[in-house]
């Protein structure tokens, strides 16, 4: 959403990429010199390798009680029978 303030639009959202510690906007960003801005980095998507590594770490933290071992055995059997 944007609104007019002093003849200028404010509240606009711009996208860009950081290169050499400077933000390069995608498209035109008509901002006057000295304009204060807030930057909110977007979350980077995980690669499959990163996701699997994190899943393995989380799995290693699970308790190895007889209940969890039995549950894993049942899940593996279901998956194998598909």
C-alpha atoms as a PDB file:
ATOM      1  CA  UNK A   1       0.000   0.000   0.000  1.00  0.00           C
ATOM      2  CA  UNK A   2       1.213   3.506  -0.728  1.00  0.00           C
ATOM      3  CA  UNK A   3      -0.040   6.987   0.070  1.00  0.00           C
ATOM      4  CA  UNK A   4       0.749  10.549  -0.892  1.00  0.00           C
ATOM      5  CA  UNK A   5       2.837  12.764   1.383  1.00  0.00           C
ATOM      6  CA  UNK A   6       4.067  16.138   0.176  1.00  0.00           C
ATOM      7  CA  UNK A   7       3.319  15.170  -3.418  1.00  0.00           C
ATOM      8  CA  UNK A   8       5.389  11.971  -3.172  1.00  0.00           C
ATOM      9  CA  UNK A   9       4.336   8.373  -2.734  1.00  0.00           C
ATOM     10  CA  UNK A  10       5.445   6.822   0.525  1.00  0.00           C
ATOM     11  CA  UNK A  11       5.106   3.339   1.934  1.00  0.00           C
ATOM     12  CA  UNK A  12       6.251   1.625  -1.253  1.00  0.00           C
ATOM     13  CA  UNK A  13       7.930  -1.757  -1.278  1.00  0.00           C
ATOM     14  CA  UNK A  14      11.040  -2.196  -3.391  1.00  0.00           C
ATOM     15  CA  UNK A  15      13.012  -5.343  -4.083  1.00  0.00           C
ATOM     16  CA  UNK A  16      16.722  -5.640  -4.670  1.00  0.00           C
ATOM     17  CA  UNK A  17      19.902  -7.597  -4.128  1.00  0.00           C
ATOM     18  CA  UNK A  18      22.907  -6.780  -1.958  1.00  0.00           C
ATOM     19  CA  UNK A  19      26.126  -6.555  -3.979  1.00  0.00           C
ATOM     20  CA  UNK A  20      29.303  -5.269  -2.391  1.00  0.00           C
ATOM     21  CA  UNK A  21      27.398  -4.088   0.693  1.00  0.00           C
ATOM     22  CA  UNK A  22      25.163  -1.895  -1.527  1.00  0.00           C
ATOM     23  CA  UNK A  23      21.541  -2.646  -2.368  1.00  0.00           C
ATOM     24  CA  UNK A  24      20.863  -2.712  -6.109  1.00  0.00           C
ATOM     25  CA  UNK A  25      17.147  -2.269  -6.730  1.00  0.00           C
ATOM     26  CA  UNK A  26      15.226  -4.375  -9.222  1.00  0.00           C
ATOM     27  CA  UNK A  27      13.714  -1.754 -11.514  1.00  0.00           C
ATOM     28  CA  UNK A  28      13.445   1.937 -10.735  1.00  0.00           C
ATOM     29  CA  UNK A  29      13.383   3.216  -7.165  1.00  0.00           C
ATOM     30  CA  UNK A  30      12.806   6.969  -7.356  1.00  0.00           C
ATOM     31  CA  UNK A  31      13.977   7.899  -3.874  1.00  0.00           C
ATOM     32  CA  UNK A  32      15.563  11.260  -3.119  1.00  0.00           C
ATOM     33  CA  UNK A  33      19.134  11.307  -1.784  1.00  0.00           C
ATOM     34  CA  UNK A  34      19.179  10.910   1.993  1.00  0.00           C
ATOM     35  CA  UNK A  35      15.846   9.096   2.217  1.00  0.00           C
ATOM     36  CA  UNK A  36      15.791   6.840   5.286  1.00  0.00           C
ATOM     37  CA  UNK A  37      14.707   3.280   4.554  1.00  0.00           C
ATOM     38  CA  UNK A  38      14.113   0.042   6.452  1.00  0.00           C
ATOM     39  CA  UNK A  39      15.555  -3.172   5.030  1.00  0.00           C
ATOM     40  CA  UNK A  40      13.940  -6.549   5.740  1.00  0.00           C
ATOM     41  CA  UNK A  41      15.979  -9.441   4.295  1.00  0.00           C
ATOM     42  CA  UNK A  42      13.982 -12.208   2.630  1.00  0.00           C
ATOM     43  CA  UNK A  43      14.503 -15.731   3.884  1.00  0.00           C
ATOM     44  CA  UNK A  44      16.637 -17.844   1.597  1.00  0.00           C
ATOM     45  CA  UNK A  45      15.077 -21.103   0.476  1.00  0.00           C
ATOM     46  CA  UNK A  46      16.847 -24.214   1.728  1.00  0.00           C
ATOM     47  CA  UNK A  47      18.451 -26.551  -0.745  1.00  0.00           C
ATOM     48  CA  UNK A  48      17.469 -30.217  -0.541  1.00  0.00           C
ATOM     49  CA  UNK A  49      20.910 -31.026   0.893  1.00  0.00           C
ATOM     50  CA  UNK A  50      20.497 -28.374   3.630  1.00  0.00           C
ATOM     51  CA  UNK A  51      16.984 -29.600   4.448  1.00  0.00           C
ATOM     52  CA  UNK A  52      18.132 -33.232   4.718  1.00  0.00           C
ATOM     53  CA  UNK A  53      21.082 -32.250   6.911  1.00  0.00           C
ATOM     54  CA  UNK A  54      18.788 -30.332   9.258  1.00  0.00           C
ATOM     55  CA  UNK A  55      16.301 -33.229   9.338  1.00  0.00           C
ATOM     56  CA  UNK A  56      19.096 -35.649  10.269  1.00  0.00           C
ATOM     57  CA  UNK A  57      20.230 -33.371  13.101  1.00  0.00           C
ATOM     58  CA  UNK A  58      16.680 -33.087  14.433  1.00  0.00           C
ATOM     59  CA  UNK A  59      16.157 -36.831  14.179  1.00  0.00           C
ATOM     60  CA  UNK A  60      19.376 -37.450  16.127  1.00  0.00           C
ATOM     61  CA  UNK A  61      17.947 -35.344  18.965  1.00  0.00           C
ATOM     62  CA  UNK A  62      14.818 -37.480  19.293  1.00  0.00           C
ATOM     63  CA  UNK A  63      14.713 -39.723  22.324  1.00  0.00           C
ATOM     64  CA  UNK A  64      15.388 -43.372  21.595  1.00  0.00           C
ATOM     65  CA  UNK A  65      12.746 -44.787  23.887  1.00  0.00           C
ATOM     66  CA  UNK A  66      11.116 -48.066  23.018  1.00  0.00           C
ATOM     67  CA  UNK A  67       8.000 -46.133  21.911  1.00  0.00           C
ATOM     68  CA  UNK A  68       9.891 -43.995  19.399  1.00  0.00           C
ATOM     69  CA  UNK A  69      11.842 -46.989  18.096  1.00  0.00           C
ATOM     70  CA  UNK A  70       8.592 -48.907  17.609  1.00  0.00           C
ATOM     71  CA  UNK A  71       6.937 -45.936  15.913  1.00  0.00           C
ATOM     72  CA  UNK A  72       9.857 -45.599  13.469  1.00  0.00           C
ATOM     73  CA  UNK A  73       9.713 -49.342  12.750  1.00  0.00           C
ATOM     74  CA  UNK A  74       5.992 -49.107  11.941  1.00  0.00           C
ATOM     75  CA  UNK A  75       6.494 -46.072   9.702  1.00  0.00           C
ATOM     76  CA  UNK A  76       9.285 -47.821   7.812  1.00  0.00           C
ATOM     77  CA  UNK A  77       7.091 -50.894   7.308  1.00  0.00           C
ATOM     78  CA  UNK A  78       4.245 -48.770   5.924  1.00  0.00           C
ATOM     79  CA  UNK A  79       6.607 -46.958   3.560  1.00  0.00           C
ATOM     80  CA  UNK A  80       8.143 -50.248   2.362  1.00  0.00           C
ATOM     81  CA  UNK A  81       4.724 -51.759   1.645  1.00  0.00           C
ATOM     82  CA  UNK A  82       3.676 -48.950  -0.703  1.00  0.00           C
END
